[in-house]
Amino acid sequence: MIDGRLHAVPRVLNAGGVLQGARGGVDLPSADIDPAKSHLATHYATMEAANLWDRDTGWKRVP
């Protein structure tokens, strides 16, 4: 809460990183990954930030 209003905060960026494998990744069924990314993408858009999976960073996810 900022000034009595709810706001998306940069911790959403951490959640996006975890979906990409950071901090050991997350144990979600593959069918749940895209809906989770879609949900987080709305928060990224609110912050006017590019999400990790739609931008070309040159990094490749290592299985």
Protein backbone atom coordinates (compact mmCIF):
# COMPACT_ATOMS: atom_id res chain seq x y z
CA MET A 1 0.00 0.00 0.00
CA ILE A 2 1.27 3.42 -0.95
CA ASP A 3 -0.78 6.37 0.26
CA GLY A 4 -3.68 4.02 0.99
CA ARG A 5 -3.71 2.49 -2.52
CA LEU A 6 -2.55 -0.93 -3.69
CA HIS A 7 0.38 -0.90 -6.10
CA ALA A 8 2.33 -3.56 -7.99
CA VAL A 9 5.88 -3.55 -6.71
CA PRO A 10 9.12 -4.75 -8.31
CA ARG A 11 8.92 -8.06 -6.44
CA VAL A 12 6.83 -9.14 -9.42
CA LEU A 13 10.16 -9.11 -11.26
CA ASN A 14 11.45 -11.74 -8.84
CA ALA A 15 8.46 -13.97 -9.57
CA GLY A 16 9.12 -13.65 -13.30
CA GLY A 17 12.73 -14.62 -12.73
CA VAL A 18 11.70 -17.70 -10.79
CA LEU A 19 9.44 -18.77 -13.66
CA GLN A 20 12.52 -18.49 -15.88
CA GLY A 21 14.57 -20.70 -13.53
CA ALA A 22 16.13 -18.21 -11.10
CA ARG A 23 16.53 -19.19 -7.44
CA GLY A 24 16.11 -22.86 -8.33
CA GLY A 25 12.97 -22.31 -10.43
CA VAL A 26 9.51 -23.43 -9.50
CA ASP A 27 7.87 -26.83 -9.49
CA LEU A 28 4.70 -26.19 -11.49
CA PRO A 29 2.94 -28.45 -13.95
CA SER A 30 3.79 -27.33 -17.50
CA ALA A 31 0.11 -26.50 -18.07
CA ASP A 32 0.32 -23.86 -15.33
CA ILE A 33 3.42 -22.03 -16.58
CA ASP A 34 1.74 -20.03 -19.38
CA PRO A 35 -1.19 -18.87 -17.20
CA ALA A 36 1.29 -17.79 -14.51
CA LYS A 37 3.35 -15.86 -17.06
CA SER A 38 0.20 -14.27 -18.44
CA HIS A 39 -0.83 -13.14 -14.96
CA LEU A 40 2.61 -11.71 -14.21
CA ALA A 41 2.69 -10.00 -17.63
CA THR A 42 -0.26 -7.84 -16.55
CA HIS A 43 1.82 -6.63 -13.60
CA TYR A 44 4.83 -6.02 -15.85
CA ALA A 45 2.59 -3.93 -18.13
CA THR A 46 1.33 -1.93 -15.14
CA MET A 47 4.94 -1.07 -14.33
CA GLU A 48 5.69 -0.43 -18.02
CA ALA A 49 8.44 -3.05 -17.89
CA ALA A 50 9.30 -5.72 -20.44
CA ASN A 51 8.80 -9.21 -19.06
CA LEU A 52 11.68 -11.66 -19.14
CA TRP A 53 10.18 -14.15 -21.57
CA ASP A 54 9.15 -11.68 -24.31
CA ARG A 55 12.39 -9.75 -24.61
CA ASP A 56 15.55 -10.85 -26.36
CA THR A 57 18.20 -10.74 -23.65
CA GLY A 58 20.62 -13.07 -25.38
CA TRP A 59 20.38 -15.41 -22.38
CA LYS A 60 19.29 -18.97 -22.86
CA ARG A 61 17.54 -21.04 -20.21
CA VAL A 62 19.56 -24.07 -19.21
CA PRO A 63 17.41 -27.15 -18.50
